[in-house]
C-alpha atoms as a PDB file:
ATOM      1  CA  MET A   1       3.232  17.080  -8.869  1.00  0.00           C
ATOM      2  CA  ILE A   2       2.592  14.302  -6.671  1.00  0.00           C
ATOM      3  CA  SER A   3       3.027  16.565  -3.851  1.00  0.00           C
ATOM      4  CA  SER A   4      -0.471  18.668  -5.224  1.00  0.00           C
ATOM      5  CA  PHE A   5      -1.822  15.625  -3.475  1.00  0.00           C
ATOM      6  CA  LYS A   6      -2.893  15.618   0.466  1.00  0.00           C
ATOM      7  CA  ASN A   7      -5.725  13.054   0.562  1.00  0.00           C
ATOM      8  CA  VAL A   8      -4.767   9.476  -0.422  1.00  0.00           C
ATOM      9  CA  LEU A   9      -6.469   6.408  -0.742  1.00  0.00           C
ATOM     10  CA  VAL A  10      -4.206   3.411  -0.937  1.00  0.00           C
ATOM     11  CA  LEU A  11      -6.376   0.229  -2.268  1.00  0.00           C
ATOM     12  CA  ALA A  12      -4.458  -3.388  -1.587  1.00  0.00           C
ATOM     13  CA  PRO A  13      -6.723  -6.973  -2.425  1.00  0.00           C
ATOM     14  CA  HIS A  14      -3.928  -8.343  -0.044  1.00  0.00           C
ATOM     15  CA  THR A  15      -1.975  -7.209   3.058  1.00  0.00           C
ATOM     16  CA  ASP A  16       1.370  -6.204   0.818  1.00  0.00           C
ATOM     17  CA  ASP A  17      -0.073  -5.548  -2.536  1.00  0.00           C
ATOM     18  CA  GLY A  18      -0.233  -2.011  -1.602  1.00  0.00           C
ATOM     19  CA  GLU A  19       3.460  -1.659  -0.390  1.00  0.00           C
ATOM     20  CA  LEU A  20       4.847  -4.344  -3.039  1.00  0.00           C
ATOM     21  CA  GLY A  21       2.863  -2.103  -6.321  1.00  0.00           C
ATOM     22  CA  ALA A  22       3.364   1.399  -3.932  1.00  0.00           C
ATOM     23  CA  GLY A  23       5.782   1.542  -0.704  1.00  0.00           C
ATOM     24  CA  GLY A  24       8.576   4.233  -1.601  1.00  0.00           C
ATOM     25  CA  THR A  25       5.488   6.292  -3.194  1.00  0.00           C
ATOM     26  CA  ILE A  26       3.797   6.077  -0.327  1.00  0.00           C
ATOM     27  CA  SER A  27       6.647   7.213   1.723  1.00  0.00           C
ATOM     28  CA  LYS A  28       7.435   9.856  -0.370  1.00  0.00           C
ATOM     29  CA  LEU A  29       3.477  11.311   0.006  1.00  0.00           C
ATOM     30  CA  ILE A  30       4.040  11.099   3.504  1.00  0.00           C
ATOM     31  CA  GLN A  31       7.076  12.262   4.090  1.00  0.00           C
ATOM     32  CA  ASN A  32       5.533  15.631   2.212  1.00  0.00           C
ATOM     33  CA  GLY A  33       2.563  15.744   5.411  1.00  0.00           C
ATOM     34  CA  THR A  34       0.401  13.963   2.784  1.00  0.00           C
ATOM     35  CA  LYS A  35      -2.336  12.415   4.027  1.00  0.00           C
ATOM     36  CA  VAL A  36      -2.368   8.334   3.095  1.00  0.00           C
ATOM     37  CA  THR A  37      -5.540   5.371   4.517  1.00  0.00           C
ATOM     38  CA  TYR A  38      -4.366   2.381   3.261  1.00  0.00           C
ATOM     39  CA  VAL A  39      -7.685  -0.965   2.733  1.00  0.00           C
ATOM     40  CA  ALA A  40      -6.535  -4.321   2.558  1.00  0.00           C
ATOM     41  CA  PHE A  41      -9.513  -6.866   1.745  1.00  0.00           C
ATOM     42  CA  SER A  42      -8.295  -9.869   2.501  1.00  0.00           C
ATOM     43  CA  THR A  43      -5.604 -11.107   5.413  1.00  0.00           C
ATOM     44  CA  ALA A  44      -5.744 -14.606   3.080  1.00  0.00           C
ATOM     45  CA  GLU A  45      -5.180 -16.461   5.569  1.00  0.00           C
ATOM     46  CA  GLU A  46      -6.581 -19.364   3.717  1.00  0.00           C
ATOM     47  CA  SER A  47      -3.018 -18.999   2.481  1.00  0.00           C
ATOM     48  CA  VAL A  48      -0.916 -18.726   5.871  1.00  0.00           C
ATOM     49  CA  PRO A  49       2.176 -21.976   5.663  1.00  0.00           C
ATOM     50  CA  GLU A  50       1.544 -24.641   7.994  1.00  0.00           C
ATOM     51  CA  GLY A  51       2.671 -23.593  11.262  1.00  0.00           C
ATOM     52  CA  LEU A  52       1.942 -19.726  11.738  1.00  0.00           C
ATOM     53  CA  PRO A  53      -1.274 -17.895  13.967  1.00  0.00           C
ATOM     54  CA  LYS A  54      -4.322 -18.022  10.653  1.00  0.00           C
ATOM     55  CA  ASP A  55      -4.160 -14.321  11.900  1.00  0.00           C
ATOM     56  CA  ILE A  56      -0.567 -13.634  11.197  1.00  0.00           C
ATOM     57  CA  LEU A  57      -0.263 -11.390   8.181  1.00  0.00           C
ATOM     58  CA  LYS A  58      -3.147  -8.754  10.069  1.00  0.00           C
ATOM     59  CA  THR A  59       0.243  -8.692  12.916  1.00  0.00           C
ATOM     60  CA  GLU A  60       2.513  -7.979   9.927  1.00  0.00           C
ATOM     61  CA  VAL A  61       0.045  -5.531   7.672  1.00  0.00           C
ATOM     62  CA  LYS A  62       0.407  -3.648  11.489  1.00  0.00           C
ATOM     63  CA  GLU A  63       3.846  -3.547  11.195  1.00  0.00           C
ATOM     64  CA  ALA A  64       4.894  -2.752   7.876  1.00  0.00           C
ATOM     65  CA  THR A  65       2.114   0.299   7.128  1.00  0.00           C
ATOM     66  CA  LYS A  66       3.582   1.095  10.903  1.00  0.00           C
ATOM     67  CA  ARG A  67       6.952   1.048   9.219  1.00  0.00           C
ATOM     68  CA  LEU A  68       5.831   3.536   6.174  1.00  0.00           C
ATOM     69  CA  GLY A  69       3.763   5.894   8.695  1.00  0.00           C
ATOM     70  CA  ILE A  70       0.883   5.383   8.031  1.00  0.00           C
ATOM     71  CA  GLN A  71      -1.524   6.027  10.023  1.00  0.00           C
ATOM     72  CA  ASN A  72      -5.088   5.217   8.978  1.00  0.00           C
ATOM     73  CA  LEU A  73      -5.001   1.838   8.904  1.00  0.00           C
ATOM     74  CA  ILE A  74      -8.049  -0.459   7.826  1.00  0.00           C
ATOM     75  CA  ILE A  75      -8.546  -4.393   7.309  1.00  0.00           C
ATOM     76  CA  TYR A  76     -11.203  -5.939   5.958  1.00  0.00           C
ATOM     77  CA  ASN A  77     -12.081 -10.444   6.316  1.00  0.00           C
ATOM     78  CA  TYR A  78     -12.643 -11.228   3.011  1.00  0.00           C
ATOM     79  CA  GLN A  79     -11.015 -14.984   2.168  1.00  0.00           C
ATOM     80  CA  VAL A  80      -8.960 -14.965  -0.037  1.00  0.00           C
ATOM     81  CA  ARG A  81      -9.558 -16.052  -4.203  1.00  0.00           C
ATOM     82  CA  LYS A  82     -12.621 -14.521  -3.222  1.00  0.00           C
ATOM     83  CA  LEU A  83     -13.178 -11.107  -3.551  1.00  0.00           C
ATOM     84  CA  ASN A  84     -14.891 -11.765  -6.553  1.00  0.00           C
ATOM     85  CA  TYR A  85     -18.185 -13.138  -5.499  1.00  0.00           C
ATOM     86  CA  LYS A  86     -18.344 -10.123  -3.091  1.00  0.00           C
ATOM     87  CA  ARG A  87     -18.375  -7.425  -5.116  1.00  0.00           C
ATOM     88  CA  GLN A  88     -21.508  -5.434  -4.131  1.00  0.00           C
ATOM     89  CA  GLU A  89     -19.839  -5.554  -0.666  1.00  0.00           C
ATOM     90  CA  ILE A  90     -17.061  -4.346  -1.227  1.00  0.00           C
ATOM     91  CA  LEU A  91     -18.296  -1.405  -3.745  1.00  0.00           C
ATOM     92  CA  GLU A  92     -20.729  -0.687  -0.922  1.00  0.00           C
ATOM     93  CA  ASN A  93     -17.257  -0.580   1.656  1.00  0.00           C
ATOM     94  CA  LEU A  94     -15.520   2.039  -1.525  1.00  0.00           C
ATOM     95  CA  ILE A  95     -18.773   4.518  -1.007  1.00  0.00           C
ATOM     96  CA  ASP A  96     -19.145   4.300   2.553  1.00  0.00           C
ATOM     97  CA  LEU A  97     -14.683   5.565   2.192  1.00  0.00           C
ATOM     98  CA  LYS A  98     -15.622   8.271  -0.439  1.00  0.00           C
ATOM     99  CA  LYS A  99     -18.721   9.929   1.396  1.00  0.00           C
ATOM    100  CA  ALA A 100     -16.738   9.723   4.383  1.00  0.00           C
ATOM    101  CA  ASN A 101     -12.902  11.481   3.498  1.00  0.00           C
ATOM    102  CA  ASN A 102     -12.422  13.262   0.150  1.00  0.00           C
ATOM    103  CA  PHE A 103      -9.904  11.894  -1.010  1.00  0.00           C
ATOM    104  CA  ASP A 104      -8.147  12.990  -4.355  1.00  0.00           C
ATOM    105  CA  LEU A 105      -6.088  10.315  -5.598  1.00  0.00           C
ATOM    106  CA  VAL A 106      -6.744   6.600  -5.324  1.00  0.00           C
ATOM    107  CA  LEU A 107      -3.816   3.554  -6.063  1.00  0.00           C
ATOM    108  CA  LEU A 108      -5.266   0.865  -6.792  1.00  0.00           C
ATOM    109  CA  PRO A 109      -3.935  -2.848  -9.017  1.00  0.00           C
ATOM    110  CA  SER A 110      -3.501  -2.606 -12.382  1.00  0.00           C
ATOM    111  CA  LEU A 111      -6.474  -2.810 -14.501  1.00  0.00           C
ATOM    112  CA  LYS A 112      -4.612  -5.846 -16.502  1.00  0.00           C
ATOM    113  CA  ASP A 113      -3.753  -7.567 -13.234  1.00  0.00           C
ATOM    114  CA  ILE A 114      -4.338 -11.239 -14.018  1.00  0.00           C
ATOM    115  CA  HIS A 115      -5.352 -12.167 -10.540  1.00  0.00           C
ATOM    116  CA  GLN A 116      -8.884 -12.719  -9.413  1.00  0.00           C
ATOM    117  CA  ASP A 117      -8.852 -10.669  -5.956  1.00  0.00           C
ATOM    118  CA  HIS A 118      -6.952  -8.100  -7.925  1.00  0.00           C
ATOM    119  CA  SER A 119      -8.506  -7.616 -10.954  1.00  0.00           C
ATOM    120  CA  THR A 120     -11.875  -6.911  -8.302  1.00  0.00           C
ATOM    121  CA  ILE A 121     -10.704  -4.387  -6.383  1.00  0.00           C
ATOM    122  CA  ALA A 122      -9.606  -2.107  -9.249  1.00  0.00           C
ATOM    123  CA  GLN A 123     -12.928  -2.650 -11.250  1.00  0.00           C
ATOM    124  CA  GLU A 124     -15.204  -1.966  -8.133  1.00  0.00           C
ATOM    125  CA  GLY A 125     -11.820   0.847  -6.996  1.00  0.00           C
ATOM    126  CA  VAL A 126     -12.965   2.553 -10.593  1.00  0.00           C
ATOM    127  CA  ARG A 127     -16.814   2.543 -10.135  1.00  0.00           C
ATOM    128  CA  ALA A 128     -16.192   3.646  -6.533  1.00  0.00           C
ATOM    129  CA  PHE A 129     -13.994   6.488  -7.836  1.00  0.00           C
ATOM    130  CA  LYS A 130     -14.899   7.206 -10.952  1.00  0.00           C
ATOM    131  CA  GLY A 131     -14.619  11.189 -10.396  1.00  0.00           C
ATOM    132  CA  ILE A 132     -11.146  11.476  -8.586  1.00  0.00           C
ATOM    133  CA  THR A 133      -7.265  10.380  -9.710  1.00  0.00           C
ATOM    134  CA  ILE A 134      -6.855   7.281 -10.258  1.00  0.00           C
ATOM    135  CA  LEU A 135      -3.334   5.434 -10.652  1.00  0.00           C
ATOM    136  CA  GLY A 136      -2.907   1.370 -11.460  1.00  0.00           C
ATOM    137  CA  TYR A 137       0.363   0.511  -9.528  1.00  0.00           C
ATOM    138  CA  GLU A 138       2.509  -2.562 -11.393  1.00  0.00           C
ATOM    139  CA  LEU A 139       2.972  -6.245  -9.598  1.00  0.00           C
ATOM    140  CA  ILE A 140       4.936  -7.807 -12.801  1.00  0.00           C
ATOM    141  CA  TRP A 141       4.061 -11.327 -11.536  1.00  0.00           C
ATOM    142  CA  ASN A 142       0.685 -10.947 -12.520  1.00  0.00           C
ATOM    143  CA  ASN A 143       0.199  -8.642 -15.502  1.00  0.00           C
ATOM    144  CA  LEU A 144       0.347  -9.560 -18.486  1.00  0.00           C
ATOM    145  CA  SER A 145       1.475  -6.445 -20.100  1.00  0.00           C
ATOM    146  CA  PHE A 146       1.245  -2.615 -17.648  1.00  0.00           C
ATOM    147  CA  ASP A 147       0.873   0.771 -19.441  1.00  0.00           C
ATOM    148  CA  THR A 148       4.129   3.352 -17.997  1.00  0.00           C
ATOM    149  CA  GLN A 149       1.973   5.830 -18.533  1.00  0.00           C
ATOM    150  CA  CYS A 150       3.080   7.688 -15.014  1.00  0.00           C
ATOM    151  CA  PHE A 151       6.461   7.851 -13.296  1.00  0.00           C
ATOM    152  CA  ILE A 152       7.347   9.365  -9.405  1.00  0.00           C
ATOM    153  CA  LYS A 153      10.743  10.122  -9.156  1.00  0.00           C
ATOM    154  CA  LEU A 154      11.880   8.880  -5.568  1.00  0.00           C
ATOM    155  CA  ASN A 155      15.042   8.618  -3.896  1.00  0.00           C
ATOM    156  CA  GLU A 156      16.795   5.872  -2.358  1.00  0.00           C
ATOM    157  CA  GLU A 157      15.163   6.254   1.351  1.00  0.00           C
ATOM    158  CA  HIS A 158      12.169   5.741   0.414  1.00  0.00           C
ATOM    159  CA  ILE A 159      13.003   2.734  -1.732  1.00  0.00           C
ATOM    160  CA  GLN A 160      14.685   1.419   1.365  1.00  0.00           C
ATOM    161  CA  LYS A 161      11.566   2.110   3.766  1.00  0.00           C
ATOM    162  CA  LYS A 162       9.723   0.496   0.815  1.00  0.00           C
ATOM    163  CA  VAL A 163      12.151  -3.212   1.828  1.00  0.00           C
ATOM    164  CA  HIS A 164      11.621  -2.197   5.632  1.00  0.00           C
ATOM    165  CA  ALA A 165       8.095  -2.087   5.150  1.00  0.00           C
ATOM    166  CA  LEU A 166       7.746  -5.052   3.536  1.00  0.00           C
ATOM    167  CA  GLN A 167      10.916  -7.478   5.394  1.00  0.00           C
ATOM    168  CA  SER A 168       7.572  -7.224   7.970  1.00  0.00           C
ATOM    169  CA  TYR A 169       6.056  -9.792   5.978  1.00  0.00           C
ATOM    170  CA  GLU A 170       8.219 -12.533   7.787  1.00  0.00           C
ATOM    171  CA  SER A 171       5.321 -14.973   6.671  1.00  0.00           C
ATOM    172  CA  GLN A 172       6.261 -14.528   2.794  1.00  0.00           C
ATOM    173  CA  GLY A 173       9.423 -13.845   3.377  1.00  0.00           C
ATOM    174  CA  PHE A 174       9.823 -17.331   0.581  1.00  0.00           C
ATOM    175  CA  ARG A 175       8.413 -15.191  -2.214  1.00  0.00           C
ATOM    176  CA  ASP A 176      11.141 -13.526  -4.756  1.00  0.00           C
ATOM    177  CA  TYR A 177       9.316 -10.394  -4.929  1.00  0.00           C
ATOM    178  CA  LEU A 178       9.453  -9.592  -1.788  1.00  0.00           C
ATOM    179  CA  SER A 179      13.317  -9.556  -1.528  1.00  0.00           C
ATOM    180  CA  GLU A 180      15.924  -6.280  -1.044  1.00  0.00           C
ATOM    181  CA  ASP A 181      17.257  -6.782  -4.189  1.00  0.00           C
ATOM    182  CA  PHE A 182      14.458  -7.254  -6.777  1.00  0.00           C
ATOM    183  CA  ILE A 183      12.637  -4.137  -5.078  1.00  0.00           C
ATOM    184  CA  PHE A 184      15.993  -2.057  -5.856  1.00  0.00           C
ATOM    185  CA  SER A 185      16.202  -3.645  -9.389  1.00  0.00           C
ATOM    186  CA  LEU A 186      12.380  -2.812 -10.420  1.00  0.00           C
ATOM    187  CA  ALA A 187      13.273   1.237  -8.813  1.00  0.00           C
ATOM    188  CA  LYS A 188      16.393   1.152 -11.043  1.00  0.00           C
ATOM    189  CA  ALA A 189      14.403  -0.095 -14.112  1.00  0.00           C
ATOM    190  CA  ARG A 190      11.761   2.760 -13.579  1.00  0.00           C
ATOM    191  CA  GLY A 191      13.926   5.326 -13.204  1.00  0.00           C
ATOM    192  CA  VAL A 192      16.648   4.186 -16.456  1.00  0.00           C
ATOM    193  CA  GLN A 193      13.296   4.761 -18.062  1.00  0.00           C
ATOM    194  CA  ILE A 194      13.070   8.659 -17.011  1.00  0.00           C
ATOM    195  CA  GLY A 195      16.669   9.374 -16.121  1.00  0.00           C
ATOM    196  CA  ALA A 196      16.486   9.546 -12.251  1.00  0.00           C
ATOM    197  CA  LYS A 197      18.257   6.517  -9.755  1.00  0.00           C
ATOM    198  CA  TYR A 198      14.515   5.102  -8.824  1.00  0.00           C
ATOM    199  CA  ALA A 199      10.927   4.827  -9.650  1.00  0.00           C
ATOM    200  CA  GLU A 200       7.575   3.533  -9.607  1.00  0.00           C
ATOM    201  CA  ALA A 201       5.766   3.376 -12.358  1.00  0.00           C
ATOM    202  CA  PHE A 202       1.644   3.638 -12.509  1.00  0.00           C
ATOM    203  CA  GLU A 203      -0.676   3.333 -14.956  1.00  0.00           C
ATOM    204  CA  VAL A 204      -3.342   6.176 -15.743  1.00  0.00           C
ATOM    205  CA  ILE A 205      -6.645   5.333 -15.413  1.00  0.00           C
ATOM    206  CA  ARG A 206      -7.884   8.207 -14.248  1.00  0.00           C
ATOM    207  CA  LEU A 207      -6.260  11.695 -14.336  1.00  0.00           C
ATOM    208  CA  ILE A 208      -8.170  14.602 -12.896  1.00  0.00           C
ATOM    209  CA  LEU A 209      -7.274  18.349 -13.779  1.00  0.00           C
END
């Protein structure tokens, strides 16, 4: 049961990845009293639209995670699309987090995610937390395939909180996958698969019982 997890770590290669892949689940976890730590590895300054402050995504992720109810936010400043060049440093960051916390669930990108930064965080996350339950979240525009092995049932309020959080990313509003219609449509589609109104799907990478 999702309510059995008490200390959850969310790994986001870039600001907004964690909310996109697991925002509804994060909302439900926090509603259940679970402690959630959110780690963003890149604020993608090189990808910020012209005319906006380079640190805009740092500001936006702070607001987005606040809207979800996350109180523990860690932001690193690795360069976007070059996380694979910093694997050892990232692994050491993750090991330090593991030593300082007693996480019982880690949410990270699917191992089948083809984005180079997402792949790096997924692989190094598995290395660091191989003794902990790990679920891979889906970002369907980056997944050539995705194994829907785990579903988290959600209510409309959880999806609405996810939408509200993602609306913090005004600098990224041009992206189709941030639209409210898309977010609700995917949640409905995943819900249909399990006979629920809404859901988020995950790849089971490691399950510790």
